Amino acid sequence: MAESPQLLFAVPADHPVLRGHFPGRPIVPGVMLLEWVLEAAGRQLARAPASLRIREAKFFVPLAPAQRAQLLLEPADRRCGFLIRHAGVAIARGLLEWDANG
């Protein structure tokens, strides 16, 4: 089965956000990864991204510019686990949740 394009993510090496994060060894900011998770999960779950809350998130290794990340979602009742990987290595994992009205 082909991977959905919205579940793949890469930040170009010349992206402005990388200029100060960090000089000499840039990495993709964690907040940028979490924004992507919320947007992609919102589309997959048919929910407004603003209705989703990040219950927990843990980062294991940094993602470098131009590296392609893959998002895996595991929806359950009013919760959705997520895993971000690059080349089979876990970058981050966490849990999203929403209320019954969200």
N, C-alpha and C. Protein backbone atom coordinates (compact mmCIF):
# COMPACT_ATOMS: atom_id res chain seq x y z
N MET A 1 0.86 -1.18 0.00
CA MET A 1 0.00 0.00 0.00
C MET A 1 0.90 1.24 0.00
N ALA A 2 0.57 2.23 -0.80
CA ALA A 2 1.36 3.47 -0.90
C ALA A 2 1.14 4.33 0.34
N GLU A 3 2.21 4.97 0.77
CA GLU A 3 2.16 5.86 1.93
C GLU A 3 1.45 7.17 1.55
N SER A 4 0.58 7.63 2.40
CA SER A 4 -0.11 8.89 2.18
C SER A 4 0.90 10.04 2.24
N PRO A 5 0.88 10.96 1.26
CA PRO A 5 1.84 12.07 1.28
C PRO A 5 1.76 12.92 2.54
N GLN A 6 0.57 13.04 3.14
CA GLN A 6 0.45 13.87 4.34
C GLN A 6 1.10 13.21 5.55
N LEU A 7 1.48 11.96 5.44
CA LEU A 7 2.14 11.28 6.54
C LEU A 7 3.65 11.22 6.35
N LEU A 8 4.14 11.98 5.38
CA LEU A 8 5.57 12.13 5.15
C LEU A 8 5.92 13.61 5.31
N PHE A 9 7.11 13.89 5.80
CA PHE A 9 7.47 15.27 6.13
C PHE A 9 8.97 15.44 5.99
N ALA A 10 9.38 16.54 5.40
CA ALA A 10 10.80 16.90 5.34
C ALA A 10 10.90 18.42 5.30
N VAL A 11 11.90 18.95 5.95
CA VAL A 11 12.14 20.39 5.96
C VAL A 11 13.35 20.66 5.08
N PRO A 12 13.18 21.47 4.03
CA PRO A 12 14.32 21.76 3.16
C PRO A 12 15.48 22.38 3.94
N ALA A 13 16.69 22.07 3.53
CA ALA A 13 17.89 22.55 4.23
C ALA A 13 17.99 24.07 4.26
N ASP A 14 17.32 24.76 3.34
CA ASP A 14 17.39 26.23 3.31
C ASP A 14 16.19 26.89 4.00
N HIS A 15 15.38 26.13 4.72
CA HIS A 15 14.20 26.69 5.40
C HIS A 15 14.66 27.71 6.45
N PRO A 16 14.01 28.88 6.53
CA PRO A 16 14.42 29.92 7.48
C PRO A 16 14.43 29.50 8.94
N VAL A 17 13.59 28.57 9.33
CA VAL A 17 13.53 28.16 10.73
C VAL A 17 14.83 27.51 11.19
N LEU A 18 15.62 27.01 10.26
CA LEU A 18 16.85 26.30 10.61
C LEU A 18 18.03 27.22 10.88
N ARG A 19 17.91 28.49 10.52
CA ARG A 19 19.04 29.43 10.67
C ARG A 19 19.56 29.52 12.10
N GLY A 20 18.71 29.51 13.06
CA GLY A 20 19.17 29.63 14.43
C GLY A 20 18.98 28.37 15.25
N HIS A 21 18.70 27.28 14.60
CA HIS A 21 18.33 26.05 15.33
C HIS A 21 19.11 24.85 14.83
N PHE A 22 20.26 24.66 14.96
CA PHE A 22 21.31 25.31 15.72
C PHE A 22 22.48 25.56 14.77
N PRO A 23 23.17 26.68 14.89
CA PRO A 23 24.28 26.98 13.98
C PRO A 23 25.33 25.88 13.99
N GLY A 24 25.73 25.47 12.81
CA GLY A 24 26.74 24.43 12.67
C GLY A 24 26.19 23.01 12.63
N ARG A 25 25.04 22.80 13.24
CA ARG A 25 24.39 21.48 13.21
C ARG A 25 22.88 21.66 13.33
N PRO A 26 22.27 22.13 12.25
CA PRO A 26 20.83 22.41 12.33
C PRO A 26 19.99 21.15 12.52
N ILE A 27 18.91 21.31 13.28
CA ILE A 27 17.93 20.24 13.45
C ILE A 27 16.54 20.85 13.29
N VAL A 28 15.60 20.01 12.93
CA VAL A 28 14.21 20.45 12.79
C VAL A 28 13.65 20.65 14.20
N PRO A 29 13.10 21.83 14.49
CA PRO A 29 12.55 22.08 15.83
C PRO A 29 11.40 21.12 16.16
N GLY A 30 11.37 20.67 17.40
CA GLY A 30 10.32 19.76 17.83
C GLY A 30 8.93 20.33 17.64
N VAL A 31 8.78 21.64 17.86
CA VAL A 31 7.47 22.26 17.70
C VAL A 31 6.99 22.17 16.25
N MET A 32 7.91 22.19 15.31
CA MET A 32 7.55 22.06 13.90
C MET A 32 7.04 20.64 13.62
N LEU A 33 7.67 19.66 14.22
CA LEU A 33 7.20 18.28 14.07
C LEU A 33 5.82 18.11 14.69
N LEU A 34 5.59 18.72 15.86
CA LEU A 34 4.30 18.59 16.51
C LEU A 34 3.19 19.29 15.73
N GLU A 35 3.49 20.42 15.12
CA GLU A 35 2.49 21.08 14.26
C GLU A 35 2.10 20.17 13.11
N TRP A 36 3.09 19.52 12.51
CA TRP A 36 2.82 18.57 11.42
C TRP A 36 1.95 17.42 11.91
N VAL A 37 2.26 16.88 13.09
CA VAL A 37 1.46 15.79 13.65
C VAL A 37 0.01 16.22 13.81
N LEU A 38 -0.22 17.40 14.37
CA LEU A 38 -1.59 17.88 14.57
C LEU A 38 -2.32 18.06 13.25
N GLU A 39 -1.66 18.64 12.25
CA GLU A 39 -2.30 18.84 10.94
C GLU A 39 -2.62 17.51 10.26
N ALA A 40 -1.64 16.62 10.21
CA ALA A 40 -1.83 15.33 9.55
C ALA A 40 -2.86 14.47 10.29
N ALA A 41 -2.79 14.45 11.61
CA ALA A 41 -3.75 13.67 12.39
C ALA A 41 -5.15 14.24 12.23
N GLY A 42 -5.26 15.56 12.21
CA GLY A 42 -6.57 16.18 12.00
C GLY A 42 -7.20 15.73 10.69
N ARG A 43 -6.40 15.70 9.63
CA ARG A 43 -6.93 15.23 8.33
C ARG A 43 -7.31 13.75 8.39
N GLN A 44 -6.45 12.94 8.95
CA GLN A 44 -6.71 11.50 9.01
C GLN A 44 -7.91 11.16 9.89
N LEU A 45 -8.09 11.91 10.96
CA LEU A 45 -9.16 11.63 11.91
C LEU A 45 -10.42 12.43 11.64
N ALA A 46 -10.38 13.28 10.61
CA ALA A 46 -11.51 14.16 10.27
C ALA A 46 -11.90 15.04 11.45
N ARG A 47 -10.88 15.66 12.05
CA ARG A 47 -11.07 16.56 13.18
C ARG A 47 -10.28 17.84 12.92
N ALA A 48 -10.77 18.93 13.43
CA ALA A 48 -10.02 20.18 13.33
C ALA A 48 -8.76 20.04 14.16
N PRO A 49 -7.60 20.39 13.60
CA PRO A 49 -6.37 20.30 14.39
C PRO A 49 -6.45 21.03 15.72
N ALA A 50 -7.20 22.14 15.77
CA ALA A 50 -7.33 22.90 17.01
C ALA A 50 -8.09 22.13 18.09
N SER A 51 -8.85 21.10 17.69
CA SER A 51 -9.59 20.32 18.67
C SER A 51 -8.73 19.21 19.29
N LEU A 52 -7.55 19.00 18.73
CA LEU A 52 -6.65 17.97 19.24
C LEU A 52 -5.70 18.56 20.26
N ARG A 53 -5.42 17.81 21.31
CA ARG A 53 -4.46 18.22 22.32
C ARG A 53 -3.33 17.21 22.37
N ILE A 54 -2.13 17.71 22.54
CA ILE A 54 -0.98 16.83 22.71
C ILE A 54 -0.94 16.45 24.18
N ARG A 55 -1.25 15.22 24.47
CA ARG A 55 -1.28 14.74 25.86
C ARG A 55 0.14 14.45 26.36
N GLU A 56 0.95 13.89 25.45
CA GLU A 56 2.34 13.64 25.79
C GLU A 56 3.16 13.54 24.50
N ALA A 57 4.42 13.87 24.62
CA ALA A 57 5.35 13.76 23.48
C ALA A 57 6.74 13.56 24.03
N LYS A 58 7.45 12.64 23.45
CA LYS A 58 8.82 12.36 23.86
C LYS A 58 9.66 12.28 22.59
N PHE A 59 10.75 13.02 22.59
CA PHE A 59 11.67 13.04 21.46
C PHE A 59 12.90 12.19 21.80
N PHE A 60 13.31 11.36 20.86
CA PHE A 60 14.43 10.45 21.09
C PHE A 60 15.71 10.90 20.40
N VAL A 61 15.61 11.25 19.14
CA VAL A 61 16.76 11.70 18.35
C VAL A 61 16.30 12.85 17.46
N PRO A 62 17.21 13.76 17.11
CA PRO A 62 16.82 14.88 16.26
C PRO A 62 16.63 14.46 14.81
N LEU A 63 15.84 15.25 14.11
CA LEU A 63 15.64 15.09 12.67
C LEU A 63 16.45 16.18 11.99
N ALA A 64 17.29 15.80 11.07
CA ALA A 64 18.13 16.77 10.35
C ALA A 64 17.37 17.34 9.16
N PRO A 65 17.79 18.52 8.69
CA PRO A 65 17.17 19.10 7.49
C PRO A 65 17.24 18.12 6.32
N ALA A 66 16.19 18.10 5.52
CA ALA A 66 16.05 17.30 4.31
C ALA A 66 15.84 15.81 4.60
N GLN A 67 15.92 15.37 5.85
CA GLN A 67 15.60 13.98 6.15
C GLN A 67 14.09 13.81 6.12
N ARG A 68 13.64 12.70 5.55
CA ARG A 68 12.21 12.45 5.43
C ARG A 68 11.73 11.68 6.65
N ALA A 69 10.72 12.22 7.29
CA ALA A 69 10.10 11.57 8.45
C ALA A 69 8.78 10.95 8.03
N GLN A 70 8.42 9.89 8.71
CA GLN A 70 7.16 9.20 8.47
C GLN A 70 6.34 9.24 9.76
N LEU A 71 5.06 9.50 9.61
CA LEU A 71 4.15 9.55 10.76
C LEU A 71 3.25 8.33 10.74
N LEU A 72 3.21 7.62 11.85
CA LEU A 72 2.30 6.49 12.02
C LEU A 72 1.30 6.86 13.11
N LEU A 73 0.04 6.65 12.82
CA LEU A 73 -1.03 6.99 13.76
C LEU A 73 -1.75 5.72 14.22
N GLU A 74 -2.10 5.69 15.50
CA GLU A 74 -2.84 4.57 16.07
C GLU A 74 -4.06 5.11 16.81
N PRO A 75 -5.15 5.37 16.08
CA PRO A 75 -6.34 5.94 16.72
C PRO A 75 -7.05 4.93 17.63
N ALA A 76 -7.60 5.46 18.70
CA ALA A 76 -8.43 4.69 19.63
C ALA A 76 -9.53 5.64 20.09
N ASP A 77 -10.33 5.24 21.03
CA ASP A 77 -11.44 6.04 21.52
C ASP A 77 -10.96 7.37 22.09
N ARG A 78 -11.20 8.48 21.37
CA ARG A 78 -10.85 9.85 21.76
C ARG A 78 -9.37 10.04 22.05
N ARG A 79 -8.55 9.15 21.51
CA ARG A 79 -7.10 9.26 21.64
C ARG A 79 -6.46 8.75 20.36
N CYS A 80 -5.25 9.19 20.16
CA CYS A 80 -4.51 8.71 18.99
C CYS A 80 -3.01 8.72 19.33
N GLY A 81 -2.43 7.55 19.33
CA GLY A 81 -0.99 7.48 19.52
C GLY A 81 -0.30 7.87 18.22
N PHE A 82 0.89 8.43 18.32
CA PHE A 82 1.65 8.73 17.12
C PHE A 82 3.11 8.35 17.31
N LEU A 83 3.72 8.00 16.19
CA LEU A 83 5.13 7.66 16.14
C LEU A 83 5.72 8.32 14.91
N ILE A 84 6.82 9.04 15.09
CA ILE A 84 7.55 9.66 13.98
C ILE A 84 8.84 8.87 13.82
N ARG A 85 9.10 8.42 12.58
CA ARG A 85 10.31 7.65 12.30
C ARG A 85 11.07 8.24 11.13
N HIS A 86 12.35 7.98 11.11
CA HIS A 86 13.20 8.27 9.96
C HIS A 86 14.09 7.05 9.75
N ALA A 87 14.04 6.49 8.55
CA ALA A 87 14.86 5.32 8.21
C ALA A 87 14.71 4.21 9.25
N GLY A 88 13.49 4.01 9.73
CA GLY A 88 13.21 2.94 10.68
C GLY A 88 13.56 3.25 12.12
N VAL A 89 14.11 4.44 12.39
CA VAL A 89 14.50 4.84 13.74
C VAL A 89 13.43 5.76 14.32
N ALA A 90 13.02 5.51 15.55
CA ALA A 90 12.02 6.36 16.21
C ALA A 90 12.63 7.72 16.53
N ILE A 91 11.97 8.77 16.02
CA ILE A 91 12.36 10.16 16.29
C ILE A 91 11.60 10.66 17.52
N ALA A 92 10.29 10.38 17.54
CA ALA A 92 9.43 10.83 18.64
C ALA A 92 8.19 9.97 18.69
N ARG A 93 7.57 9.97 19.84
CA ARG A 93 6.27 9.30 20.00
C ARG A 93 5.45 10.09 20.99
N GLY A 94 4.14 9.89 20.91
CA GLY A 94 3.29 10.62 21.84
C GLY A 94 1.85 10.22 21.73
N LEU A 95 1.00 11.03 22.33
CA LEU A 95 -0.41 10.75 22.40
C LEU A 95 -1.21 12.04 22.21
N LEU A 96 -2.18 11.98 21.33
CA LEU A 96 -3.13 13.07 21.13
C LEU A 96 -4.45 12.65 21.75
N GLU A 97 -5.25 13.64 22.14
CA GLU A 97 -6.59 13.34 22.64
C GLU A 97 -7.52 14.48 22.28
N TRP A 98 -8.81 14.21 22.38
CA TRP A 98 -9.84 15.22 22.12
C TRP A 98 -11.04 14.88 22.97
N ASP A 99 -11.90 15.89 23.21
CA ASP A 99 -13.09 15.62 24.01
C ASP A 99 -14.19 15.07 23.12
N ALA A 100 -15.26 14.61 23.72
CA ALA A 100 -16.34 13.99 22.98
C ALA A 100 -16.98 14.93 21.97
N ASN A 101 -16.93 16.23 22.22
CA ASN A 101 -17.54 17.21 21.31
C ASN A 101 -16.58 17.66 20.22
N GLY A 102 -15.29 17.33 20.34
CA GLY A 102 -14.27 17.83 19.43
C GLY A 102 -14.14 17.16 18.16
